Amino acid sequence: MAESHPDVDPLSVNFVKLRNLVMALPDFDDVPERGGEKVLEAIQGLWIEEAD
């Protein structure tokens, strides 16, 4: 995420925007309906760690 969206602050992204950013990744090939809140929280948490 940090590599694909270096200008985006992961702390300011809501889950709707995060879901859209994830689905727009070139390597995204999962089922969008499986990306619930817990999955998005995990992605956002790792993105925050990656940005630090």
PDB file of N, CA and C in Angstrom:
ATOM      1  N   MET A   1       0.825  -1.184   0.000  1.00  0.00           N
ATOM      2  CA  MET A   1       0.000   0.000   0.000  1.00  0.00           C
ATOM      3  C   MET A   1       0.872   1.251   0.000  1.00  0.00           C
ATOM      4  N   ALA A   2       1.893   1.277   0.839  1.00  0.00           N
ATOM      5  CA  ALA A   2       2.765   2.451   0.896  1.00  0.00           C
ATOM      6  C   ALA A   2       3.450   2.686  -0.446  1.00  0.00           C
ATOM      7  N   GLU A   3       3.807   1.613  -1.106  1.00  0.00           N
ATOM      8  CA  GLU A   3       4.475   1.720  -2.404  1.00  0.00           C
ATOM      9  C   GLU A   3       3.506   2.205  -3.490  1.00  0.00           C
ATOM     10  N   SER A   4       2.285   1.723  -3.439  1.00  0.00           N
ATOM     11  CA  SER A   4       1.295   2.084  -4.459  1.00  0.00           C
ATOM     12  C   SER A   4       0.651   3.441  -4.215  1.00  0.00           C
ATOM     13  N   HIS A   5       0.623   3.859  -2.943  1.00  0.00           N
ATOM     14  CA  HIS A   5      -0.047   5.118  -2.587  1.00  0.00           C
ATOM     15  C   HIS A   5       0.819   5.922  -1.622  1.00  0.00           C
ATOM     16  N   PRO A   6       1.997   6.357  -2.061  1.00  0.00           N
ATOM     17  CA  PRO A   6       2.918   7.054  -1.162  1.00  0.00           C
ATOM     18  C   PRO A   6       2.409   8.409  -0.670  1.00  0.00           C
ATOM     19  N   ASP A   7       1.466   9.006  -1.390  1.00  0.00           N
ATOM     20  CA  ASP A   7       0.946  10.317  -1.015  1.00  0.00           C
ATOM     21  C   ASP A   7      -0.276  10.246  -0.107  1.00  0.00           C
ATOM     22  N   VAL A   8      -0.702   9.042   0.268  1.00  0.00           N
ATOM     23  CA  VAL A   8      -1.890   8.867   1.099  1.00  0.00           C
ATOM     24  C   VAL A   8      -1.469   8.548   2.527  1.00  0.00           C
ATOM     25  N   ASP A   9      -2.038   9.281   3.494  1.00  0.00           N
ATOM     26  CA  ASP A   9      -1.780   9.033   4.909  1.00  0.00           C
ATOM     27  C   ASP A   9      -2.713   7.911   5.366  1.00  0.00           C
ATOM     28  N   PRO A  10      -2.168   6.756   5.758  1.00  0.00           N
ATOM     29  CA  PRO A  10      -3.025   5.631   6.136  1.00  0.00           C
ATOM     30  C   PRO A  10      -3.909   5.918   7.351  1.00  0.00           C
ATOM     31  N   LEU A  11      -3.524   6.886   8.166  1.00  0.00           N
ATOM     32  CA  LEU A  11      -4.337   7.233   9.332  1.00  0.00           C
ATOM     33  C   LEU A  11      -5.583   8.030   8.956  1.00  0.00           C
ATOM     34  N   SER A  12      -5.596   8.601   7.762  1.00  0.00           N
ATOM     35  CA  SER A  12      -6.731   9.433   7.355  1.00  0.00           C
ATOM     36  C   SER A  12      -7.696   8.717   6.410  1.00  0.00           C
ATOM     37  N   VAL A  13      -7.438   7.445   6.138  1.00  0.00           N
ATOM     38  CA  VAL A  13      -8.249   6.702   5.170  1.00  0.00           C
ATOM     39  C   VAL A  13      -9.387   5.962   5.876  1.00  0.00           C
ATOM     40  N   ASN A  14     -10.621   6.199   5.417  1.00  0.00           N
ATOM     41  CA  ASN A  14     -11.740   5.435   5.974  1.00  0.00           C
ATOM     42  C   ASN A  14     -11.824   4.083   5.261  1.00  0.00           C
ATOM     43  N   PHE A  15     -12.637   3.188   5.791  1.00  0.00           N
ATOM     44  CA  PHE A  15     -12.684   1.827   5.256  1.00  0.00           C
ATOM     45  C   PHE A  15     -13.222   1.759   3.828  1.00  0.00           C
ATOM     46  N   VAL A  16     -14.114   2.641   3.465  1.00  0.00           N
ATOM     47  CA  VAL A  16     -14.642   2.644   2.094  1.00  0.00           C
ATOM     48  C   VAL A  16     -13.520   2.988   1.115  1.00  0.00           C
ATOM     49  N   LYS A  17     -12.763   4.033   1.432  1.00  0.00           N
ATOM     50  CA  LYS A  17     -11.650   4.422   0.560  1.00  0.00           C
ATOM     51  C   LYS A  17     -10.569   3.346   0.566  1.00  0.00           C
ATOM     52  N   LEU A  18     -10.271   2.782   1.744  1.00  0.00           N
ATOM     53  CA  LEU A  18      -9.254   1.736   1.843  1.00  0.00           C
ATOM     54  C   LEU A  18      -9.640   0.539   0.982  1.00  0.00           C
ATOM     55  N   ARG A  19     -10.882   0.138   1.049  1.00  0.00           N
ATOM     56  CA  ARG A  19     -11.361  -0.994   0.239  1.00  0.00           C
ATOM     57  C   ARG A  19     -11.153  -0.706  -1.250  1.00  0.00           C
ATOM     58  N   ASN A  20     -11.477   0.509  -1.666  1.00  0.00           N
ATOM     59  CA  ASN A  20     -11.301   0.884  -3.072  1.00  0.00           C
ATOM     60  C   ASN A  20      -9.829   0.899  -3.469  1.00  0.00           C
ATOM     61  N   LEU A  21      -8.965   1.384  -2.580  1.00  0.00           N
ATOM     62  CA  LEU A  21      -7.528   1.406  -2.862  1.00  0.00           C
ATOM     63  C   LEU A  21      -6.977  -0.012  -2.989  1.00  0.00           C
ATOM     64  N   VAL A  22      -7.423  -0.894  -2.104  1.00  0.00           N
ATOM     65  CA  VAL A  22      -6.959  -2.288  -2.145  1.00  0.00           C
ATOM     66  C   VAL A  22      -7.413  -2.956  -3.441  1.00  0.00           C
ATOM     67  N   MET A  23      -8.670  -2.780  -3.788  1.00  0.00           N
ATOM     68  CA  MET A  23      -9.187  -3.417  -5.001  1.00  0.00           C
ATOM     69  C   MET A  23      -8.529  -2.870  -6.265  1.00  0.00           C
ATOM     70  N   ALA A  24      -7.995  -1.659  -6.206  1.00  0.00           N
ATOM     71  CA  ALA A  24      -7.337  -1.058  -7.366  1.00  0.00           C
ATOM     72  C   ALA A  24      -5.878  -1.495  -7.506  1.00  0.00           C
ATOM     73  N   LEU A  25      -5.354  -2.212  -6.516  1.00  0.00           N
ATOM     74  CA  LEU A  25      -3.969  -2.681  -6.606  1.00  0.00           C
ATOM     75  C   LEU A  25      -3.824  -3.626  -7.796  1.00  0.00           C
ATOM     76  N   PRO A  26      -2.719  -3.531  -8.520  1.00  0.00           N
ATOM     77  CA  PRO A  26      -2.535  -4.363  -9.716  1.00  0.00           C
ATOM     78  C   PRO A  26      -2.582  -5.868  -9.437  1.00  0.00           C
ATOM     79  N   ASP A  27      -2.140  -6.293  -8.277  1.00  0.00           N
ATOM     80  CA  ASP A  27      -2.105  -7.727  -7.958  1.00  0.00           C
ATOM     81  C   ASP A  27      -3.338  -8.219  -7.203  1.00  0.00           C
ATOM     82  N   PHE A  28      -4.334  -7.354  -7.014  1.00  0.00           N
ATOM     83  CA  PHE A  28      -5.535  -7.777  -6.290  1.00  0.00           C
ATOM     84  C   PHE A  28      -6.306  -8.786  -7.129  1.00  0.00           C
ATOM     85  N   ASP A  29      -6.499  -9.976  -6.574  1.00  0.00           N
ATOM     86  CA  ASP A  29      -7.230 -11.012  -7.313  1.00  0.00           C
ATOM     87  C   ASP A  29      -8.135 -11.828  -6.404  1.00  0.00           C
ATOM     88  N   ASP A  30      -8.576 -11.226  -5.315  1.00  0.00           N
ATOM     89  CA  ASP A  30      -9.444 -11.921  -4.374  1.00  0.00           C
ATOM     90  C   ASP A  30     -10.892 -11.499  -4.621  1.00  0.00           C
ATOM     91  N   VAL A  31     -11.784 -12.065  -3.866  1.00  0.00           N
ATOM     92  CA  VAL A  31     -13.207 -11.741  -3.964  1.00  0.00           C
ATOM     93  C   VAL A  31     -13.471 -10.495  -3.108  1.00  0.00           C
ATOM     94  N   PRO A  32     -13.904  -9.388  -3.710  1.00  0.00           N
ATOM     95  CA  PRO A  32     -14.107  -8.146  -2.955  1.00  0.00           C
ATOM     96  C   PRO A  32     -15.044  -8.286  -1.757  1.00  0.00           C
ATOM     97  N   GLU A  33     -16.021  -9.153  -1.855  1.00  0.00           N
ATOM     98  CA  GLU A  33     -16.985  -9.321  -0.770  1.00  0.00           C
ATOM     99  C   GLU A  33     -16.356  -9.916   0.491  1.00  0.00           C
ATOM    100  N   ARG A  34     -15.176 -10.500   0.368  1.00  0.00           N
ATOM    101  CA  ARG A  34     -14.518 -11.116   1.522  1.00  0.00           C
ATOM    102  C   ARG A  34     -13.738 -10.102   2.347  1.00  0.00           C
ATOM    103  N   GLY A  35     -13.654  -8.870   1.892  1.00  0.00           N
ATOM    104  CA  GLY A  35     -12.882  -7.837   2.579  1.00  0.00           C
ATOM    105  C   GLY A  35     -13.697  -7.102   3.615  1.00  0.00           C
ATOM    106  N   GLY A  36     -14.001  -7.773   4.705  1.00  0.00           N
ATOM    107  CA  GLY A  36     -14.780  -7.156   5.767  1.00  0.00           C
ATOM    108  C   GLY A  36     -13.948  -6.201   6.607  1.00  0.00           C
ATOM    109  N   GLU A  37     -14.582  -5.672   7.634  1.00  0.00           N
ATOM    110  CA  GLU A  37     -13.946  -4.667   8.485  1.00  0.00           C
ATOM    111  C   GLU A  37     -12.672  -5.178   9.154  1.00  0.00           C
ATOM    112  N   LYS A  38     -12.673  -6.413   9.619  1.00  0.00           N
ATOM    113  CA  LYS A  38     -11.482  -6.962  10.285  1.00  0.00           C
ATOM    114  C   LYS A  38     -10.304  -7.069   9.317  1.00  0.00           C
ATOM    115  N   VAL A  39     -10.574  -7.471   8.099  1.00  0.00           N
ATOM    116  CA  VAL A  39      -9.516  -7.569   7.086  1.00  0.00           C
ATOM    117  C   VAL A  39      -8.977  -6.175   6.772  1.00  0.00           C
ATOM    118  N   LEU A  40      -9.871  -5.214   6.619  1.00  0.00           N
ATOM    119  CA  LEU A  40      -9.448  -3.845   6.323  1.00  0.00           C
ATOM    120  C   LEU A  40      -8.654  -3.249   7.484  1.00  0.00           C
ATOM    121  N   GLU A  41      -9.054  -3.553   8.721  1.00  0.00           N
ATOM    122  CA  GLU A  41      -8.294  -3.094   9.893  1.00  0.00           C
ATOM    123  C   GLU A  41      -6.877  -3.649   9.860  1.00  0.00           C
ATOM    124  N   ALA A  42      -6.742  -4.921   9.520  1.00  0.00           N
ATOM    125  CA  ALA A  42      -5.421  -5.553   9.456  1.00  0.00           C
ATOM    126  C   ALA A  42      -4.569  -4.910   8.362  1.00  0.00           C
ATOM    127  N   ILE A  43      -5.170  -4.673   7.209  1.00  0.00           N
ATOM    128  CA  ILE A  43      -4.443  -4.032   6.106  1.00  0.00           C
ATOM    129  C   ILE A  43      -3.991  -2.636   6.521  1.00  0.00           C
ATOM    130  N   GLN A  44      -4.901  -1.883   7.121  1.00  0.00           N
ATOM    131  CA  GLN A  44      -4.569  -0.522   7.531  1.00  0.00           C
ATOM    132  C   GLN A  44      -3.472  -0.530   8.601  1.00  0.00           C
ATOM    133  N   GLY A  45      -3.546  -1.463   9.540  1.00  0.00           N
ATOM    134  CA  GLY A  45      -2.528  -1.564  10.579  1.00  0.00           C
ATOM    135  C   GLY A  45      -1.150  -1.843  10.003  1.00  0.00           C
ATOM    136  N   LEU A  46      -1.078  -2.767   9.057  1.00  0.00           N
ATOM    137  CA  LEU A  46       0.206  -3.071   8.411  1.00  0.00           C
ATOM    138  C   LEU A  46       0.706  -1.893   7.584  1.00  0.00           C
ATOM    139  N   TRP A  47      -0.201  -1.194   6.947  1.00  0.00           N
ATOM    140  CA  TRP A  47       0.165  -0.028   6.152  1.00  0.00           C
ATOM    141  C   TRP A  47       0.753   1.063   7.055  1.00  0.00           C
ATOM    142  N   ILE A  48       0.153   1.259   8.226  1.00  0.00           N
ATOM    143  CA  ILE A  48       0.657   2.248   9.185  1.00  0.00           C
ATOM    144  C   ILE A  48       2.059   1.856   9.647  1.00  0.00           C
ATOM    145  N   GLU A  49       2.251   0.573   9.965  1.00  0.00           N
ATOM    146  CA  GLU A  49       3.582   0.088  10.363  1.00  0.00           C
ATOM    147  C   GLU A  49       4.592   0.303   9.246  1.00  0.00           C
ATOM    148  N   GLU A  50       4.182  -0.002   8.028  1.00  0.00           N
ATOM    149  CA  GLU A  50       5.047   0.138   6.861  1.00  0.00           C
ATOM    150  C   GLU A  50       5.459   1.596   6.648  1.00  0.00           C
ATOM    151  N   ALA A  51       4.556   2.516   6.953  1.00  0.00           N
ATOM    152  CA  ALA A  51       4.813   3.938   6.741  1.00  0.00           C
ATOM    153  C   ALA A  51       5.761   4.514   7.794  1.00  0.00           C
ATOM    154  N   ASP A  52       5.853   3.865   8.944  1.00  0.00           N
ATOM    155  CA  ASP A  52       6.723   4.379  10.028  1.00  0.00           C
ATOM    156  C   ASP A  52       8.157   4.124   9.813  1.00  0.00           C
TER     157      ASP A  52
END
